[in-house]
Amino acid sequence: MEINKLEASHARIAIIIARFNAFINKNLLNGAVSTLKRVGQLEHNNIHTIWVPGAVIKGETFHFEIISRDLNLIISNMSIKNNIPIISSILYLNNVQQGIDRSGAKFGNRGSDAALSLLEMINLLKNI
């Protein structure tokens, strides 16, 4: 769907962002906010959709696998329990450079991509 065809003035979006790996998460947030502003969508109450950006970077321990599995399970359970769409755009990365590349550098901004997906979902749900 083209960005100029998206309309979400009725929708309220909550963004939940982690402080861990903040240098990547902030870029993802900035990309999403920029996209949402272009569509005219930045309200602060009566939430219809939640967006969860983040970056989990693999280290030398098994912690990466545990966090990755649990995040996906928690996010899907929250969506089902609260009957609200949750867009998860958590980047699962092997190293910091991959995060930099995907949060505004070499491979675009996955935050902006996630915001477009979120807006498409809002428009789809509105038309059901």
N, C-alpha and C. Protein backbone atom coordinates (compact mmCIF):
# COMPACT_ATOMS: atom_id res chain seq x y z
N MET A 1 0.85 -1.17 0.00
CA MET A 1 0.00 0.00 0.00
C MET A 1 0.90 1.24 0.00
N GLU A 2 0.54 2.24 -0.79
CA GLU A 2 1.32 3.46 -0.86
C GLU A 2 1.04 4.35 0.34
N ILE A 3 2.07 5.03 0.82
CA ILE A 3 1.93 5.85 2.03
C ILE A 3 0.88 6.94 1.85
N ASN A 4 0.74 7.49 0.66
CA ASN A 4 -0.25 8.56 0.47
C ASN A 4 -1.69 8.04 0.48
N LYS A 5 -1.87 6.71 0.46
CA LYS A 5 -3.21 6.13 0.53
C LYS A 5 -3.57 5.67 1.95
N LEU A 6 -2.63 5.78 2.86
CA LEU A 6 -2.87 5.35 4.24
C LEU A 6 -3.55 6.47 5.02
N GLU A 7 -4.52 6.09 5.84
CA GLU A 7 -5.24 7.05 6.67
C GLU A 7 -5.44 6.42 8.03
N ALA A 8 -4.99 7.10 9.06
CA ALA A 8 -5.12 6.54 10.40
C ALA A 8 -5.39 7.62 11.43
N SER A 9 -6.11 8.65 11.03
CA SER A 9 -6.36 9.76 11.96
C SER A 9 -7.20 9.33 13.15
N HIS A 10 -7.96 8.26 12.99
CA HIS A 10 -8.81 7.76 14.07
C HIS A 10 -8.05 6.87 15.05
N ALA A 11 -6.89 6.40 14.67
CA ALA A 11 -6.17 5.39 15.46
C ALA A 11 -5.23 6.02 16.47
N ARG A 12 -5.04 5.32 17.57
CA ARG A 12 -4.10 5.74 18.61
C ARG A 12 -3.05 4.65 18.73
N ILE A 13 -1.80 5.03 18.68
CA ILE A 13 -0.69 4.07 18.66
C ILE A 13 0.18 4.27 19.89
N ALA A 14 0.46 3.18 20.59
CA ALA A 14 1.42 3.21 21.70
C ALA A 14 2.73 2.63 21.20
N ILE A 15 3.82 3.26 21.56
CA ILE A 15 5.15 2.76 21.21
C ILE A 15 5.88 2.41 22.49
N ILE A 16 6.30 1.16 22.60
CA ILE A 16 7.04 0.69 23.77
C ILE A 16 8.46 0.42 23.31
N ILE A 17 9.43 1.10 23.90
CA ILE A 17 10.81 0.96 23.45
C ILE A 17 11.74 0.69 24.62
N ALA A 18 12.69 -0.20 24.41
CA ALA A 18 13.63 -0.57 25.46
C ALA A 18 14.77 0.45 25.54
N ARG A 19 15.34 0.58 26.73
CA ARG A 19 16.52 1.43 26.90
C ARG A 19 17.79 0.67 26.51
N PHE A 20 17.75 -0.65 26.57
CA PHE A 20 18.91 -1.46 26.22
C PHE A 20 19.15 -1.35 24.72
N ASN A 21 20.38 -1.20 24.29
CA ASN A 21 20.74 -0.96 22.88
C ASN A 21 20.04 0.30 22.36
N ALA A 22 19.99 1.31 23.21
CA ALA A 22 19.25 2.54 22.92
C ALA A 22 19.71 3.24 21.65
N PHE A 23 20.98 3.16 21.31
CA PHE A 23 21.47 3.83 20.11
C PHE A 23 20.83 3.27 18.85
N ILE A 24 20.46 2.01 18.84
CA ILE A 24 19.74 1.42 17.71
C ILE A 24 18.25 1.69 17.84
N ASN A 25 17.71 1.47 19.03
CA ASN A 25 16.27 1.65 19.25
C ASN A 25 15.83 3.08 18.97
N LYS A 26 16.66 4.06 19.34
CA LYS A 26 16.30 5.46 19.10
C LYS A 26 16.20 5.74 17.61
N ASN A 27 17.09 5.16 16.81
CA ASN A 27 17.01 5.33 15.37
C ASN A 27 15.75 4.67 14.81
N LEU A 28 15.39 3.49 15.34
CA LEU A 28 14.15 2.83 14.90
C LEU A 28 12.94 3.70 15.25
N LEU A 29 12.95 4.25 16.45
CA LEU A 29 11.87 5.13 16.89
C LEU A 29 11.77 6.36 15.99
N ASN A 30 12.91 6.99 15.70
CA ASN A 30 12.92 8.18 14.85
C ASN A 30 12.37 7.87 13.46
N GLY A 31 12.73 6.70 12.92
CA GLY A 31 12.21 6.31 11.61
C GLY A 31 10.70 6.13 11.63
N ALA A 32 10.20 5.51 12.68
CA ALA A 32 8.75 5.30 12.80
C ALA A 32 8.02 6.62 13.00
N VAL A 33 8.52 7.46 13.89
CA VAL A 33 7.87 8.75 14.16
C VAL A 33 7.83 9.59 12.89
N SER A 34 8.91 9.59 12.13
CA SER A 34 8.95 10.34 10.88
C SER A 34 7.87 9.84 9.92
N THR A 35 7.73 8.53 9.80
CA THR A 35 6.70 7.96 8.93
C THR A 35 5.30 8.28 9.43
N LEU A 36 5.08 8.16 10.72
CA LEU A 36 3.75 8.46 11.29
C LEU A 36 3.40 9.93 11.11
N LYS A 37 4.38 10.82 11.25
CA LYS A 37 4.12 12.25 11.05
C LYS A 37 3.70 12.54 9.61
N ARG A 38 4.32 11.83 8.65
CA ARG A 38 3.96 12.05 7.25
C ARG A 38 2.51 11.68 6.98
N VAL A 39 1.97 10.75 7.75
CA VAL A 39 0.58 10.34 7.58
C VAL A 39 -0.33 11.16 8.49
N GLY A 40 0.25 11.97 9.36
CA GLY A 40 -0.54 12.80 10.27
C GLY A 40 -1.04 12.03 11.46
N GLN A 41 -0.27 11.08 11.95
CA GLN A 41 -0.73 10.19 13.01
C GLN A 41 0.21 10.25 14.20
N LEU A 42 -0.09 11.09 15.16
CA LEU A 42 0.66 11.09 16.42
C LEU A 42 -0.23 11.59 17.55
N GLU A 43 -1.13 10.77 18.02
CA GLU A 43 -1.98 11.10 19.16
C GLU A 43 -1.46 10.35 20.38
N HIS A 44 -1.97 10.70 21.56
CA HIS A 44 -1.40 10.15 22.78
C HIS A 44 -2.39 9.47 23.72
N ASN A 45 -3.59 9.13 23.27
CA ASN A 45 -4.52 8.46 24.18
C ASN A 45 -5.44 7.52 23.41
N ASN A 46 -6.22 6.73 24.13
CA ASN A 46 -7.16 5.79 23.54
C ASN A 46 -6.47 4.87 22.52
N ILE A 47 -5.59 4.03 23.00
CA ILE A 47 -4.70 3.23 22.16
C ILE A 47 -5.45 2.13 21.41
N HIS A 48 -5.20 2.04 20.10
CA HIS A 48 -5.76 1.00 19.25
C HIS A 48 -4.72 -0.03 18.84
N THR A 49 -3.48 0.37 18.80
CA THR A 49 -2.40 -0.48 18.32
C THR A 49 -1.14 -0.20 19.13
N ILE A 50 -0.32 -1.24 19.31
CA ILE A 50 0.95 -1.08 20.02
C ILE A 50 2.08 -1.49 19.09
N TRP A 51 3.16 -0.72 19.12
CA TRP A 51 4.34 -1.04 18.33
C TRP A 51 5.50 -1.26 19.28
N VAL A 52 6.20 -2.37 19.12
CA VAL A 52 7.33 -2.72 19.99
C VAL A 52 8.59 -2.86 19.15
N PRO A 53 9.41 -1.80 19.09
CA PRO A 53 10.70 -1.91 18.40
C PRO A 53 11.78 -2.36 19.38
N GLY A 54 12.88 -2.80 18.87
CA GLY A 54 13.98 -3.15 19.75
C GLY A 54 15.09 -3.85 19.01
N ALA A 55 16.16 -4.09 19.72
CA ALA A 55 17.31 -4.79 19.15
C ALA A 55 17.88 -5.73 20.20
N VAL A 56 17.95 -7.00 19.85
CA VAL A 56 18.59 -7.99 20.71
C VAL A 56 19.84 -8.45 19.96
N ILE A 57 20.99 -8.23 20.57
CA ILE A 57 22.26 -8.54 19.91
C ILE A 57 22.88 -9.78 20.55
N LYS A 58 23.21 -10.73 19.70
CA LYS A 58 23.77 -12.00 20.17
C LYS A 58 25.13 -11.78 20.82
N GLY A 59 25.30 -12.39 21.97
CA GLY A 59 26.58 -12.33 22.67
C GLY A 59 27.21 -13.70 22.73
N GLU A 60 27.98 -13.93 23.76
CA GLU A 60 28.69 -15.20 23.90
C GLU A 60 27.93 -16.23 24.72
N THR A 61 26.78 -15.86 25.27
CA THR A 61 26.03 -16.78 26.11
C THR A 61 24.71 -17.17 25.45
N PHE A 62 23.97 -18.05 26.09
CA PHE A 62 22.68 -18.52 25.60
C PHE A 62 21.57 -17.49 25.84
N HIS A 63 21.88 -16.39 26.48
CA HIS A 63 20.92 -15.35 26.83
C HIS A 63 20.13 -14.87 25.62
N PHE A 64 20.77 -14.71 24.47
CA PHE A 64 20.14 -14.25 23.24
C PHE A 64 18.95 -15.13 22.87
N GLU A 65 19.15 -16.44 22.90
CA GLU A 65 18.09 -17.38 22.53
C GLU A 65 16.91 -17.31 23.50
N ILE A 66 17.20 -17.18 24.78
CA ILE A 66 16.14 -17.10 25.79
C ILE A 66 15.33 -15.82 25.60
N ILE A 67 16.01 -14.70 25.49
CA ILE A 67 15.32 -13.41 25.32
C ILE A 67 14.50 -13.41 24.03
N SER A 68 15.08 -13.89 22.94
CA SER A 68 14.38 -13.90 21.65
C SER A 68 13.09 -14.71 21.73
N ARG A 69 13.18 -15.91 22.28
CA ARG A 69 12.00 -16.78 22.41
C ARG A 69 10.94 -16.15 23.31
N ASP A 70 11.37 -15.67 24.47
CA ASP A 70 10.43 -15.12 25.44
C ASP A 70 9.76 -13.84 24.95
N LEU A 71 10.50 -12.98 24.27
CA LEU A 71 9.90 -11.74 23.75
C LEU A 71 8.76 -12.05 22.79
N ASN A 72 8.98 -12.94 21.87
CA ASN A 72 7.93 -13.29 20.91
C ASN A 72 6.71 -13.88 21.60
N LEU A 73 6.93 -14.74 22.57
CA LEU A 73 5.83 -15.35 23.30
C LEU A 73 5.05 -14.31 24.11
N ILE A 74 5.75 -13.45 24.81
CA ILE A 74 5.11 -12.41 25.63
C ILE A 74 4.30 -11.45 24.76
N ILE A 75 4.87 -11.02 23.66
CA ILE A 75 4.18 -10.06 22.78
C ILE A 75 2.92 -10.69 22.19
N SER A 76 3.00 -11.93 21.72
CA SER A 76 1.80 -12.55 21.15
C SER A 76 0.74 -12.80 22.22
N ASN A 77 1.15 -13.20 23.42
CA ASN A 77 0.19 -13.38 24.52
C ASN A 77 -0.48 -12.07 24.91
N MET A 78 0.29 -10.97 24.94
CA MET A 78 -0.29 -9.66 25.25
C MET A 78 -1.33 -9.26 24.22
N SER A 79 -1.04 -9.52 22.96
CA SER A 79 -1.97 -9.17 21.89
C SER A 79 -3.27 -9.95 22.03
N ILE A 80 -3.16 -11.24 22.27
CA ILE A 80 -4.35 -12.09 22.42
C ILE A 80 -5.14 -11.71 23.66
N LYS A 81 -4.46 -11.56 24.78
CA LYS A 81 -5.12 -11.25 26.05
C LYS A 81 -5.87 -9.92 26.01
N ASN A 82 -5.28 -8.92 25.37
CA ASN A 82 -5.86 -7.58 25.35
C ASN A 82 -6.65 -7.27 24.09
N ASN A 83 -6.70 -8.24 23.16
CA ASN A 83 -7.43 -8.06 21.91
C ASN A 83 -7.03 -6.77 21.20
N ILE A 84 -5.71 -6.59 21.07
CA ILE A 84 -5.19 -5.39 20.42
C ILE A 84 -4.01 -5.80 19.53
N PRO A 85 -3.95 -5.29 18.31
CA PRO A 85 -2.82 -5.63 17.43
C PRO A 85 -1.52 -5.07 18.00
N ILE A 86 -0.50 -5.91 18.02
CA ILE A 86 0.83 -5.48 18.44
C ILE A 86 1.80 -5.80 17.31
N ILE A 87 2.47 -4.77 16.84
CA ILE A 87 3.47 -4.93 15.79
C ILE A 87 4.82 -5.08 16.48
N SER A 88 5.45 -6.22 16.30
CA SER A 88 6.78 -6.44 16.86
C SER A 88 7.80 -6.24 15.76
N SER A 89 8.68 -5.30 15.95
CA SER A 89 9.76 -5.10 14.97
C SER A 89 11.09 -5.17 15.70
N ILE A 90 11.21 -6.20 16.50
CA ILE A 90 12.46 -6.41 17.22
C ILE A 90 13.47 -7.01 16.26
N LEU A 91 14.63 -6.40 16.20
CA LEU A 91 15.71 -6.90 15.37
C LEU A 91 16.53 -7.91 16.17
N TYR A 92 16.70 -9.09 15.64
CA TYR A 92 17.54 -10.11 16.27
C TYR A 92 18.84 -10.13 15.48
N LEU A 93 19.91 -9.66 16.10
CA LEU A 93 21.14 -9.35 15.39
C LEU A 93 22.32 -10.18 15.88
N ASN A 94 23.25 -10.43 14.97
CA ASN A 94 24.49 -11.11 15.35
C ASN A 94 25.53 -10.14 15.89
N ASN A 95 25.41 -8.85 15.51
CA ASN A 95 26.39 -7.87 15.96
C ASN A 95 25.81 -6.46 15.88
N VAL A 96 26.51 -5.52 16.48
CA VAL A 96 26.05 -4.13 16.53
C VAL A 96 25.94 -3.53 15.13
N GLN A 97 26.86 -3.85 14.25
CA GLN A 97 26.85 -3.28 12.90
C GLN A 97 25.55 -3.60 12.17
N GLN A 98 25.03 -4.81 12.35
CA GLN A 98 23.75 -5.15 11.73
C GLN A 98 22.65 -4.22 12.24
N GLY A 99 22.68 -3.88 13.50
CA GLY A 99 21.69 -2.96 14.06
C GLY A 99 21.81 -1.57 13.48
N ILE A 100 23.03 -1.10 13.34
CA ILE A 100 23.26 0.22 12.75
C ILE A 100 22.78 0.23 11.30
N ASP A 101 23.12 -0.83 10.56
CA ASP A 101 22.72 -0.93 9.15
C ASP A 101 21.21 -0.96 8.96
N ARG A 102 20.49 -1.54 9.91
CA ARG A 102 19.03 -1.69 9.78
C ARG A 102 18.23 -0.61 10.50
N SER A 103 18.93 0.32 11.12
CA SER A 103 18.21 1.40 11.82
C SER A 103 18.56 2.76 11.22
N GLY A 104 18.76 2.79 9.92
CA GLY A 104 18.94 4.06 9.24
C GLY A 104 20.16 4.16 8.37
N ALA A 105 20.99 3.14 8.34
CA ALA A 105 22.20 3.22 7.54
C ALA A 105 22.04 2.42 6.25
N LYS A 106 22.82 1.40 6.07
CA LYS A 106 22.96 0.65 4.83
C LYS A 106 21.66 0.03 4.29
N PHE A 107 20.83 -0.51 5.17
CA PHE A 107 19.63 -1.24 4.73
C PHE A 107 18.34 -0.49 5.04
N GLY A 108 18.36 0.82 5.08
CA GLY A 108 17.16 1.58 5.39
C GLY A 108 16.86 1.58 6.87
N ASN A 109 15.64 1.94 7.22
CA ASN A 109 15.26 2.02 8.63
C ASN A 109 14.08 1.09 8.87
N ARG A 110 14.33 0.02 9.61
CA ARG A 110 13.27 -0.94 9.90
C ARG A 110 12.17 -0.34 10.78
N GLY A 111 12.47 0.74 11.48
CA GLY A 111 11.44 1.44 12.24
C GLY A 111 10.41 2.06 11.32
N SER A 112 10.88 2.67 10.25
CA SER A 112 9.98 3.24 9.25
C SER A 112 9.17 2.13 8.58
N ASP A 113 9.82 1.02 8.24
CA ASP A 113 9.12 -0.12 7.64
C ASP A 113 8.02 -0.64 8.57
N ALA A 114 8.33 -0.72 9.85
CA ALA A 114 7.35 -1.21 10.83
C ALA A 114 6.17 -0.25 10.95
N ALA A 115 6.45 1.05 10.92
CA ALA A 115 5.37 2.04 10.99
C ALA A 115 4.43 1.89 9.80
N LEU A 116 4.98 1.66 8.62
CA LEU A 116 4.14 1.44 7.44
C LEU A 116 3.29 0.18 7.60
N SER A 117 3.88 -0.89 8.13
CA SER A 117 3.11 -2.13 8.37
C SER A 117 1.99 -1.88 9.36
N LEU A 118 2.30 -1.12 10.40
CA LEU A 118 1.31 -0.79 11.42
C LEU A 118 0.15 0.00 10.81
N LEU A 119 0.46 0.99 9.99
CA LEU A 119 -0.58 1.79 9.35
C LEU A 119 -1.42 0.94 8.39
N GLU A 120 -0.77 0.04 7.67
CA GLU A 120 -1.52 -0.86 6.79
C GLU A 120 -2.47 -1.74 7.59
N MET A 121 -2.02 -2.24 8.74
CA MET A 121 -2.88 -3.07 9.58
C MET A 121 -4.07 -2.26 10.09
N ILE A 122 -3.84 -1.03 10.51
CA ILE A 122 -4.92 -0.16 10.99
C ILE A 122 -5.96 0.03 9.88
N ASN A 123 -5.49 0.31 8.66
CA ASN A 123 -6.41 0.52 7.55
C ASN A 123 -7.15 -0.77 7.20
N LEU A 124 -6.48 -1.90 7.27
CA LEU A 124 -7.13 -3.18 7.00
C LEU A 124 -8.22 -3.46 8.03
N LEU A 125 -7.91 -3.27 9.31
CA LEU A 125 -8.89 -3.53 10.37
C LEU A 125 -10.08 -2.58 10.27
N LYS A 126 -9.83 -1.35 9.84
CA LYS A 126 -10.91 -0.37 9.70
C LYS A 126 -11.90 -0.80 8.62
N ASN A 127 -11.41 -1.52 7.62
CA ASN A 127 -12.26 -1.92 6.50
C ASN A 127 -12.89 -3.30 6.65
N ILE A 128 -12.62 -3.97 7.75
CA ILE A 128 -13.21 -5.31 7.95
C ILE A 128 -14.61 -5.16 8.51
